[in-house]
Amino acid sequence: MFIGVDLGGTNIAAGLVDAYGKLLHNE
C-alpha cells in the first residue's frame, strides 16, 4: 500500500492507493 498527498494552495488531499494505482480511500 502507498499513500499519496496532493498539496495545494487551497486544500491538502491525501489517499491510500494500492500497487496498481487504485485509490482506496481519500480525505
mmCIF file of all heavy atoms, coordinates in Angstrom:
data_MODEL
# 
_entry.id   MODEL 
# 
loop_
_atom_site.group_PDB 
_atom_site.id 
_atom_site.type_symbol 
_atom_site.label_atom_id 
_atom_site.label_alt_id 
_atom_site.label_comp_id 
_atom_site.label_asym_id 
_atom_site.label_entity_id 
_atom_site.label_seq_id 
_atom_site.pdbx_PDB_ins_code 
_atom_site.Cartn_x 
_atom_site.Cartn_y 
_atom_site.Cartn_z 
_atom_site.occupancy 
_atom_site.B_iso_or_equiv 
_atom_site.pdbx_formal_charge 
_atom_site.auth_seq_id 
_atom_site.auth_comp_id 
_atom_site.auth_asym_id 
_atom_site.auth_atom_id 
_atom_site.pdbx_PDB_model_num 
ATOM 1   N N   . MET A 1 1  ? 0.834   -1.194 0.000   1.00 0.00 ? 1  MET A N   1 
ATOM 2   C CA  . MET A 1 1  ? 0.000   0.000  0.000   1.00 0.00 ? 1  MET A CA  1 
ATOM 3   C C   . MET A 1 1  ? 0.876   1.253  0.000   1.00 0.00 ? 1  MET A C   1 
ATOM 4   O O   . MET A 1 1  ? 1.968   1.256  0.563   1.00 0.00 ? 1  MET A O   1 
ATOM 5   C CB  . MET A 1 1  ? -0.899  0.031  1.244   1.00 0.00 ? 1  MET A CB  1 
ATOM 6   C CG  . MET A 1 1  ? -1.900  -1.100 1.300   1.00 0.00 ? 1  MET A CG  1 
ATOM 7   S SD  . MET A 1 1  ? -3.177  -0.930 0.052   1.00 0.00 ? 1  MET A SD  1 
ATOM 8   C CE  . MET A 1 1  ? -4.227  -2.304 0.516   1.00 0.00 ? 1  MET A CE  1 
ATOM 9   N N   . PHE A 1 2  ? 0.349   2.304  -0.611  1.00 0.00 ? 2  PHE A N   1 
ATOM 10  C CA  . PHE A 1 2  ? 1.064   3.574  -0.694  1.00 0.00 ? 2  PHE A CA  1 
ATOM 11  C C   . PHE A 1 2  ? 0.111   4.699  -0.296  1.00 0.00 ? 2  PHE A C   1 
ATOM 12  O O   . PHE A 1 2  ? -1.104  4.579  -0.448  1.00 0.00 ? 2  PHE A O   1 
ATOM 13  C CB  . PHE A 1 2  ? 1.565   3.820  -2.114  1.00 0.00 ? 2  PHE A CB  1 
ATOM 14  C CG  . PHE A 1 2  ? 2.462   2.738  -2.645  1.00 0.00 ? 2  PHE A CG  1 
ATOM 15  C CD1 . PHE A 1 2  ? 1.934   1.614  -3.262  1.00 0.00 ? 2  PHE A CD1 1 
ATOM 16  C CD2 . PHE A 1 2  ? 3.836   2.856  -2.544  1.00 0.00 ? 2  PHE A CD2 1 
ATOM 17  C CE1 . PHE A 1 2  ? 2.751   0.608  -3.761  1.00 0.00 ? 2  PHE A CE1 1 
ATOM 18  C CE2 . PHE A 1 2  ? 4.672   1.859  -3.041  1.00 0.00 ? 2  PHE A CE2 1 
ATOM 19  C CZ  . PHE A 1 2  ? 4.130   0.731  -3.647  1.00 0.00 ? 2  PHE A CZ  1 
ATOM 20  N N   . ILE A 1 3  ? 0.674   5.799  0.168   1.00 0.00 ? 3  ILE A N   1 
ATOM 21  C CA  . ILE A 1 3  ? -0.131  6.985  0.455   1.00 0.00 ? 3  ILE A CA  1 
ATOM 22  C C   . ILE A 1 3  ? 0.357   8.123  -0.427  1.00 0.00 ? 3  ILE A C   1 
ATOM 23  O O   . ILE A 1 3  ? 1.567   8.358  -0.557  1.00 0.00 ? 3  ILE A O   1 
ATOM 24  C CB  . ILE A 1 3  ? -0.065  7.369  1.949   1.00 0.00 ? 3  ILE A CB  1 
ATOM 25  C CG1 . ILE A 1 3  ? -0.939  6.401  2.753   1.00 0.00 ? 3  ILE A CG1 1 
ATOM 26  C CG2 . ILE A 1 3  ? -0.538  8.804  2.165   1.00 0.00 ? 3  ILE A CG2 1 
ATOM 27  C CD1 . ILE A 1 3  ? -0.992  6.685  4.234   1.00 0.00 ? 3  ILE A CD1 1 
ATOM 28  N N   . GLY A 1 4  ? -0.593  8.803  -1.042  1.00 0.00 ? 4  GLY A N   1 
ATOM 29  C CA  . GLY A 1 4  ? -0.276  9.957  -1.869  1.00 0.00 ? 4  GLY A CA  1 
ATOM 30  C C   . GLY A 1 4  ? -0.892  11.203 -1.285  1.00 0.00 ? 4  GLY A C   1 
ATOM 31  O O   . GLY A 1 4  ? -2.025  11.179 -0.785  1.00 0.00 ? 4  GLY A O   1 
ATOM 32  N N   . VAL A 1 5  ? -0.143  12.307 -1.340  1.00 0.00 ? 5  VAL A N   1 
ATOM 33  C CA  . VAL A 1 5  ? -0.614  13.599 -0.826  1.00 0.00 ? 5  VAL A CA  1 
ATOM 34  C C   . VAL A 1 5  ? -0.528  14.634 -1.939  1.00 0.00 ? 5  VAL A C   1 
ATOM 35  O O   . VAL A 1 5  ? 0.529   14.813 -2.552  1.00 0.00 ? 5  VAL A O   1 
ATOM 36  C CB  . VAL A 1 5  ? 0.230   14.070 0.383   1.00 0.00 ? 5  VAL A CB  1 
ATOM 37  C CG1 . VAL A 1 5  ? -0.273  15.422 0.885   1.00 0.00 ? 5  VAL A CG1 1 
ATOM 38  C CG2 . VAL A 1 5  ? 0.200   13.038 1.490   1.00 0.00 ? 5  VAL A CG2 1 
ATOM 39  N N   . ASP A 1 6  ? -1.638  15.298 -2.205  1.00 0.00 ? 6  ASP A N   1 
ATOM 40  C CA  . ASP A 1 6  ? -1.704  16.371 -3.197  1.00 0.00 ? 6  ASP A CA  1 
ATOM 41  C C   . ASP A 1 6  ? -1.776  17.681 -2.426  1.00 0.00 ? 6  ASP A C   1 
ATOM 42  O O   . ASP A 1 6  ? -2.823  18.060 -1.906  1.00 0.00 ? 6  ASP A O   1 
ATOM 43  C CB  . ASP A 1 6  ? -2.939  16.178 -4.077  1.00 0.00 ? 6  ASP A CB  1 
ATOM 44  C CG  . ASP A 1 6  ? -3.023  17.189 -5.212  1.00 0.00 ? 6  ASP A CG  1 
ATOM 45  O OD1 . ASP A 1 6  ? -2.089  17.998 -5.357  1.00 0.00 ? 6  ASP A OD1 1 
ATOM 46  O OD2 . ASP A 1 6  ? -4.028  17.170 -5.947  1.00 0.00 ? 6  ASP A OD2 1 
ATOM 47  N N   . LEU A 1 7  ? -0.632  18.355 -2.327  1.00 0.00 ? 7  LEU A N   1 
ATOM 48  C CA  . LEU A 1 7  ? -0.534  19.585 -1.543  1.00 0.00 ? 7  LEU A CA  1 
ATOM 49  C C   . LEU A 1 7  ? -0.821  20.789 -2.429  1.00 0.00 ? 7  LEU A C   1 
ATOM 50  O O   . LEU A 1 7  ? -0.040  21.114 -3.316  1.00 0.00 ? 7  LEU A O   1 
ATOM 51  C CB  . LEU A 1 7  ? 0.866   19.694 -0.924  1.00 0.00 ? 7  LEU A CB  1 
ATOM 52  C CG  . LEU A 1 7  ? 1.193   20.971 -0.150  1.00 0.00 ? 7  LEU A CG  1 
ATOM 53  C CD1 . LEU A 1 7  ? 0.228   21.176 1.012   1.00 0.00 ? 7  LEU A CD1 1 
ATOM 54  C CD2 . LEU A 1 7  ? 2.636   20.931 0.344   1.00 0.00 ? 7  LEU A CD2 1 
ATOM 55  N N   . GLY A 1 8  ? -1.942  21.446 -2.182  1.00 0.00 ? 8  GLY A N   1 
ATOM 56  C CA  . GLY A 1 8  ? -2.319  22.613 -2.968  1.00 0.00 ? 8  GLY A CA  1 
ATOM 57  C C   . GLY A 1 8  ? -2.429  23.865 -2.118  1.00 0.00 ? 8  GLY A C   1 
ATOM 58  O O   . GLY A 1 8  ? -2.384  23.798 -0.886  1.00 0.00 ? 8  GLY A O   1 
ATOM 59  N N   . GLY A 1 9  ? -2.597  24.991 -2.768  1.00 0.00 ? 9  GLY A N   1 
ATOM 60  C CA  . GLY A 1 9  ? -2.717  26.250 -2.044  1.00 0.00 ? 9  GLY A CA  1 
ATOM 61  C C   . GLY A 1 9  ? -4.031  26.390 -1.315  1.00 0.00 ? 9  GLY A C   1 
ATOM 62  O O   . GLY A 1 9  ? -4.135  27.141 -0.339  1.00 0.00 ? 9  GLY A O   1 
ATOM 63  N N   . THR A 1 10 ? -5.059  25.648 -1.741  1.00 0.00 ? 10 THR A N   1 
ATOM 64  C CA  . THR A 1 10 ? -6.378  25.723 -1.109  1.00 0.00 ? 10 THR A CA  1 
ATOM 65  C C   . THR A 1 10 ? -6.653  24.520 -0.214  1.00 0.00 ? 10 THR A C   1 
ATOM 66  O O   . THR A 1 10 ? -7.134  24.672 0.912   1.00 0.00 ? 10 THR A O   1 
ATOM 67  C CB  . THR A 1 10 ? -7.485  25.810 -2.189  1.00 0.00 ? 10 THR A CB  1 
ATOM 68  O OG1 . THR A 1 10 ? -7.230  26.936 -3.031  1.00 0.00 ? 10 THR A OG1 1 
ATOM 69  C CG2 . THR A 1 10 ? -8.857  25.957 -1.543  1.00 0.00 ? 10 THR A CG2 1 
ATOM 70  N N   . ASN A 1 11 ? -6.363  23.324 -0.732  1.00 0.00 ? 11 ASN A N   1 
ATOM 71  C CA  . ASN A 1 11 ? -6.634  22.098 0.017   1.00 0.00 ? 11 ASN A CA  1 
ATOM 72  C C   . ASN A 1 11 ? -5.446  21.153 0.010   1.00 0.00 ? 11 ASN A C   1 
ATOM 73  O O   . ASN A 1 11 ? -4.612  21.185 -0.898  1.00 0.00 ? 11 ASN A O   1 
ATOM 74  C CB  . ASN A 1 11 ? -7.848  21.359 -0.568  1.00 0.00 ? 11 ASN A CB  1 
ATOM 75  C CG  . ASN A 1 11 ? -9.138  22.120 -0.374  1.00 0.00 ? 11 ASN A CG  1 
ATOM 76  O OD1 . ASN A 1 11 ? -9.539  22.416 0.741   1.00 0.00 ? 11 ASN A OD1 1 
ATOM 77  N ND2 . ASN A 1 11 ? -9.804  22.440 -1.479  1.00 0.00 ? 11 ASN A ND2 1 
ATOM 78  N N   . ILE A 1 12 ? -5.403  20.298 1.036   1.00 0.00 ? 12 ILE A N   1 
ATOM 79  C CA  . ILE A 1 12 ? -4.470  19.169 1.070   1.00 0.00 ? 12 ILE A CA  1 
ATOM 80  C C   . ILE A 1 12 ? -5.324  17.921 0.928   1.00 0.00 ? 12 ILE A C   1 
ATOM 81  O O   . ILE A 1 12 ? -6.195  17.661 1.768   1.00 0.00 ? 12 ILE A O   1 
ATOM 82  C CB  . ILE A 1 12 ? -3.701  19.102 2.399   1.00 0.00 ? 12 ILE A CB  1 
ATOM 83  C CG1 . ILE A 1 12 ? -2.983  20.417 2.690   1.00 0.00 ? 12 ILE A CG1 1 
ATOM 84  C CG2 . ILE A 1 12 ? -2.698  17.947 2.375   1.00 0.00 ? 12 ILE A CG2 1 
ATOM 85  C CD1 . ILE A 1 12 ? -2.455  20.519 4.116   1.00 0.00 ? 12 ILE A CD1 1 
ATOM 86  N N   . ALA A 1 13 ? -5.114  17.171 -0.138  1.00 0.00 ? 13 ALA A N   1 
ATOM 87  C CA  . ALA A 1 13 ? -5.854  15.929 -0.358  1.00 0.00 ? 13 ALA A CA  1 
ATOM 88  C C   . ALA A 1 13 ? -4.883  14.765 -0.248  1.00 0.00 ? 13 ALA A C   1 
ATOM 89  O O   . ALA A 1 13 ? -3.733  14.857 -0.683  1.00 0.00 ? 13 ALA A O   1 
ATOM 90  C CB  . ALA A 1 13 ? -6.517  15.932 -1.729  1.00 0.00 ? 13 ALA A CB  1 
ATOM 91  N N   . ALA A 1 14 ? -5.332  13.680 0.354   1.00 0.00 ? 14 ALA A N   1 
ATOM 92  C CA  . ALA A 1 14 ? -4.466  12.514 0.511   1.00 0.00 ? 14 ALA A CA  1 
ATOM 93  C C   . ALA A 1 14 ? -5.297  11.255 0.400   1.00 0.00 ? 14 ALA A C   1 
ATOM 94  O O   . ALA A 1 14 ? -6.514  11.274 0.622   1.00 0.00 ? 14 ALA A O   1 
ATOM 95  C CB  . ALA A 1 14 ? -3.733  12.572 1.850   1.00 0.00 ? 14 ALA A CB  1 
ATOM 96  N N   . GLY A 1 15 ? -4.624  10.164 0.037   1.00 0.00 ? 15 GLY A N   1 
ATOM 97  C CA  . GLY A 1 15 ? -5.366  8.917  -0.108  1.00 0.00 ? 15 GLY A CA  1 
ATOM 98  C C   . GLY A 1 15 ? -4.486  7.693  -0.019  1.00 0.00 ? 15 GLY A C   1 
ATOM 99  O O   . GLY A 1 15 ? -3.257  7.763  -0.172  1.00 0.00 ? 15 GLY A O   1 
ATOM 100 N N   . LEU A 1 16 ? -5.133  6.562  0.249   1.00 0.00 ? 16 LEU A N   1 
ATOM 101 C CA  . LEU A 1 16 ? -4.479  5.253  0.263   1.00 0.00 ? 16 LEU A CA  1 
ATOM 102 C C   . LEU A 1 16 ? -4.641  4.629  -1.116  1.00 0.00 ? 16 LEU A C   1 
ATOM 103 O O   . LEU A 1 16 ? -5.750  4.551  -1.648  1.00 0.00 ? 16 LEU A O   1 
ATOM 104 C CB  . LEU A 1 16 ? -5.130  4.364  1.326   1.00 0.00 ? 16 LEU A CB  1 
ATOM 105 C CG  . LEU A 1 16 ? -4.519  2.971  1.525   1.00 0.00 ? 16 LEU A CG  1 
ATOM 106 C CD1 . LEU A 1 16 ? -3.126  3.076  2.130   1.00 0.00 ? 16 LEU A CD1 1 
ATOM 107 C CD2 . LEU A 1 16 ? -5.434  2.121  2.414   1.00 0.00 ? 16 LEU A CD2 1 
ATOM 108 N N   . VAL A 1 17 ? -3.529  4.201  -1.709  1.00 0.00 ? 17 VAL A N   1 
ATOM 109 C CA  . VAL A 1 17 ? -3.515  3.699  -3.088  1.00 0.00 ? 17 VAL A CA  1 
ATOM 110 C C   . VAL A 1 17 ? -2.823  2.339  -3.121  1.00 0.00 ? 17 VAL A C   1 
ATOM 111 O O   . VAL A 1 17 ? -1.801  2.139  -2.455  1.00 0.00 ? 17 VAL A O   1 
ATOM 112 C CB  . VAL A 1 17 ? -2.772  4.691  -4.018  1.00 0.00 ? 17 VAL A CB  1 
ATOM 113 C CG1 . VAL A 1 17 ? -2.742  4.180  -5.454  1.00 0.00 ? 17 VAL A CG1 1 
ATOM 114 C CG2 . VAL A 1 17 ? -3.431  6.074  -3.954  1.00 0.00 ? 17 VAL A CG2 1 
ATOM 115 N N   . ASP A 1 18 ? -3.376  1.407  -3.885  1.00 0.00 ? 18 ASP A N   1 
ATOM 116 C CA  . ASP A 1 18 ? -2.725  0.102  -3.983  1.00 0.00 ? 18 ASP A CA  1 
ATOM 117 C C   . ASP A 1 18 ? -1.636  0.118  -5.054  1.00 0.00 ? 18 ASP A C   1 
ATOM 118 O O   . ASP A 1 18 ? -1.421  1.125  -5.730  1.00 0.00 ? 18 ASP A O   1 
ATOM 119 C CB  . ASP A 1 18 ? -3.739  -1.023 -4.212  1.00 0.00 ? 18 ASP A CB  1 
ATOM 120 C CG  . ASP A 1 18 ? -4.411  -0.991 -5.589  1.00 0.00 ? 18 ASP A CG  1 
ATOM 121 O OD1 . ASP A 1 18 ? -3.895  -0.307 -6.510  1.00 0.00 ? 18 ASP A OD1 1 
ATOM 122 O OD2 . ASP A 1 18 ? -5.440  -1.663 -5.759  1.00 0.00 ? 18 ASP A OD2 1 
ATOM 123 N N   . ALA A 1 19 ? -0.958  -1.003 -5.223  1.00 0.00 ? 19 ALA A N   1 
ATOM 124 C CA  . ALA A 1 19 ? 0.183   -1.085 -6.140  1.00 0.00 ? 19 ALA A CA  1 
ATOM 125 C C   . ALA A 1 19 ? -0.201  -0.935 -7.603  1.00 0.00 ? 19 ALA A C   1 
ATOM 126 O O   . ALA A 1 19 ? 0.656   -0.717 -8.461  1.00 0.00 ? 19 ALA A O   1 
ATOM 127 C CB  . ALA A 1 19 ? 0.916   -2.408 -5.938  1.00 0.00 ? 19 ALA A CB  1 
ATOM 128 N N   . TYR A 1 20 ? -1.499  -1.027 -7.905  1.00 0.00 ? 20 TYR A N   1 
ATOM 129 C CA  . TYR A 1 20 ? -1.987  -0.894 -9.285  1.00 0.00 ? 20 TYR A CA  1 
ATOM 130 C C   . TYR A 1 20 ? -2.509  0.513  -9.577  1.00 0.00 ? 20 TYR A C   1 
ATOM 131 O O   . TYR A 1 20 ? -3.071  0.765  -10.639 1.00 0.00 ? 20 TYR A O   1 
ATOM 132 C CB  . TYR A 1 20 ? -3.081  -1.930 -9.551  1.00 0.00 ? 20 TYR A CB  1 
ATOM 133 C CG  . TYR A 1 20 ? -2.616  -3.352 -9.331  1.00 0.00 ? 20 TYR A CG  1 
ATOM 134 C CD1 . TYR A 1 20 ? -2.909  -4.019 -8.137  1.00 0.00 ? 20 TYR A CD1 1 
ATOM 135 C CD2 . TYR A 1 20 ? -1.845  -4.021 -10.281 1.00 0.00 ? 20 TYR A CD2 1 
ATOM 136 C CE1 . TYR A 1 20 ? -2.468  -5.317 -7.919  1.00 0.00 ? 20 TYR A CE1 1 
ATOM 137 C CE2 . TYR A 1 20 ? -1.397  -5.315 -10.063 1.00 0.00 ? 20 TYR A CE2 1 
ATOM 138 C CZ  . TYR A 1 20 ? -1.713  -5.955 -8.887  1.00 0.00 ? 20 TYR A CZ  1 
ATOM 139 O OH  . TYR A 1 20 ? -1.265  -7.232 -8.670  1.00 0.00 ? 20 TYR A OH  1 
ATOM 140 N N   . GLY A 1 21 ? -2.369  1.422  -8.614  1.00 0.00 ? 21 GLY A N   1 
ATOM 141 C CA  . GLY A 1 21 ? -2.812  2.785  -8.810  1.00 0.00 ? 21 GLY A CA  1 
ATOM 142 C C   . GLY A 1 21 ? -4.290  2.998  -8.539  1.00 0.00 ? 21 GLY A C   1 
ATOM 143 O O   . GLY A 1 21 ? -4.855  4.003  -8.955  1.00 0.00 ? 21 GLY A O   1 
ATOM 144 N N   . LYS A 1 22 ? -4.907  2.088  -7.805  1.00 0.00 ? 22 LYS A N   1 
ATOM 145 C CA  . LYS A 1 22 ? -6.326  2.245  -7.468  1.00 0.00 ? 22 LYS A CA  1 
ATOM 146 C C   . LYS A 1 22 ? -6.452  3.009  -6.157  1.00 0.00 ? 22 LYS A C   1 
ATOM 147 O O   . LYS A 1 22 ? -5.867  2.626  -5.141  1.00 0.00 ? 22 LYS A O   1 
ATOM 148 C CB  . LYS A 1 22 ? -7.014  0.887  -7.349  1.00 0.00 ? 22 LYS A CB  1 
ATOM 149 C CG  . LYS A 1 22 ? -8.512  0.988  -7.051  1.00 0.00 ? 22 LYS A CG  1 
ATOM 150 C CD  . LYS A 1 22 ? -9.160  -0.392 -6.964  1.00 0.00 ? 22 LYS A CD  1 
ATOM 151 C CE  . LYS A 1 22 ? -10.655 -0.260 -6.653  1.00 0.00 ? 22 LYS A CE  1 
ATOM 152 N NZ  . LYS A 1 22 ? -11.305 -1.593 -6.537  1.00 0.00 ? 22 LYS A NZ  1 
ATOM 153 N N   . LEU A 1 23 ? -7.243  4.082  -6.172  1.00 0.00 ? 23 LEU A N   1 
ATOM 154 C CA  . LEU A 1 23 ? -7.472  4.886  -4.976  1.00 0.00 ? 23 LEU A CA  1 
ATOM 155 C C   . LEU A 1 23 ? -8.505  4.187  -4.103  1.00 0.00 ? 23 LEU A C   1 
ATOM 156 O O   . LEU A 1 23 ? -9.653  4.001  -4.495  1.00 0.00 ? 23 LEU A O   1 
ATOM 157 C CB  . LEU A 1 23 ? -7.949  6.285  -5.376  1.00 0.00 ? 23 LEU A CB  1 
ATOM 158 C CG  . LEU A 1 23 ? -8.219  7.284  -4.249  1.00 0.00 ? 23 LEU A CG  1 
ATOM 159 C CD1 . LEU A 1 23 ? -6.959  7.504  -3.411  1.00 0.00 ? 23 LEU A CD1 1 
ATOM 160 C CD2 . LEU A 1 23 ? -8.713  8.606  -4.831  1.00 0.00 ? 23 LEU A CD2 1 
ATOM 161 N N   . LEU A 1 24 ? -8.102  3.807  -2.887  1.00 0.00 ? 24 LEU A N   1 
ATOM 162 C CA  . LEU A 1 24 ? -8.959  3.021  -2.000  1.00 0.00 ? 24 LEU A CA  1 
ATOM 163 C C   . LEU A 1 24 ? -9.702  3.880  -0.983  1.00 0.00 ? 24 LEU A C   1 
ATOM 164 O O   . LEU A 1 24 ? -10.829 3.575  -0.604  1.00 0.00 ? 24 LEU A O   1 
ATOM 165 C CB  . LEU A 1 24 ? -8.116  1.981  -1.253  1.00 0.00 ? 24 LEU A CB  1 
ATOM 166 C CG  . LEU A 1 24 ? -7.308  1.029  -2.133  1.00 0.00 ? 24 LEU A CG  1 
ATOM 167 C CD1 . LEU A 1 24 ? -6.416  0.150  -1.274  1.00 0.00 ? 24 LEU A CD1 1 
ATOM 168 C CD2 . LEU A 1 24 ? -8.227  0.183  -3.008  1.00 0.00 ? 24 LEU A CD2 1 
ATOM 169 N N   . HIS A 1 25 ? -9.066  4.949  -0.532  1.00 0.00 ? 25 HIS A N   1 
ATOM 170 C CA  . HIS A 1 25 ? -9.691  5.829  0.465   1.00 0.00 ? 25 HIS A CA  1 
ATOM 171 C C   . HIS A 1 25 ? -9.019  7.185  0.403   1.00 0.00 ? 25 HIS A C   1 
ATOM 172 O O   . HIS A 1 25 ? -7.793  7.266  0.264   1.00 0.00 ? 25 HIS A O   1 
ATOM 173 C CB  . HIS A 1 25 ? -9.545  5.232  1.871   1.00 0.00 ? 25 HIS A CB  1 
ATOM 174 C CG  . HIS A 1 25 ? -10.193 6.064  2.933   1.00 0.00 ? 25 HIS A CG  1 
ATOM 175 N ND1 . HIS A 1 25 ? -11.549 6.006  3.208   1.00 0.00 ? 25 HIS A ND1 1 
ATOM 176 C CD2 . HIS A 1 25 ? -9.687  6.998  3.774   1.00 0.00 ? 25 HIS A CD2 1 
ATOM 177 C CE1 . HIS A 1 25 ? -11.839 6.850  4.174   1.00 0.00 ? 25 HIS A CE1 1 
ATOM 178 N NE2 . HIS A 1 25 ? -10.724 7.467  4.534   1.00 0.00 ? 25 HIS A NE2 1 
ATOM 179 N N   . ASN A 1 26 ? -9.776  8.252  0.488   1.00 0.00 ? 26 ASN A N   1 
ATOM 180 C CA  . ASN A 1 26 ? -9.174  9.583  0.455   1.00 0.00 ? 26 ASN A CA  1 
ATOM 181 C C   . ASN A 1 26 ? -9.894  10.561 1.377   1.00 0.00 ? 26 ASN A C   1 
ATOM 182 O O   . ASN A 1 26 ? -11.070 10.397 1.702   1.00 0.00 ? 26 ASN A O   1 
ATOM 183 C CB  . ASN A 1 26 ? -9.133  10.126 -0.970  1.00 0.00 ? 26 ASN A CB  1 
ATOM 184 C CG  . ASN A 1 26 ? -10.491 10.319 -1.580  1.00 0.00 ? 26 ASN A CG  1 
ATOM 185 O OD1 . ASN A 1 26 ? -11.209 9.356  -1.848  1.00 0.00 ? 26 ASN A OD1 1 
ATOM 186 N ND2 . ASN A 1 26 ? -10.862 11.574 -1.807  1.00 0.00 ? 26 ASN A ND2 1 
ATOM 187 N N   . GLU A 1 27 ? -9.152  11.571 1.788   1.00 0.00 ? 27 GLU A N   1 
ATOM 188 C CA  . GLU A 1 27 ? -9.647  12.624 2.669   1.00 0.00 ? 27 GLU A CA  1 
ATOM 189 C C   . GLU A 1 27 ? -9.000  13.937 2.229   1.00 0.00 ? 27 GLU A C   1 
ATOM 190 O O   . GLU A 1 27 ? -7.963  13.948 1.564   1.00 0.00 ? 27 GLU A O   1 
ATOM 191 C CB  . GLU A 1 27 ? -9.266  12.353 4.130   1.00 0.00 ? 27 GLU A CB  1 
ATOM 192 C CG  . GLU A 1 27 ? -9.752  11.042 4.707   1.00 0.00 ? 27 GLU A CG  1 
ATOM 193 C CD  . GLU A 1 27 ? -11.175 11.118 5.224   1.00 0.00 ? 27 GLU A CD  1 
ATOM 194 O OE1 . GLU A 1 27 ? -11.695 12.249 5.380   1.00 0.00 ? 27 GLU A OE1 1 
ATOM 195 O OE2 . GLU A 1 27 ? -11.773 10.053 5.486   1.00 0.00 ? 27 GLU A OE2 1 
# 
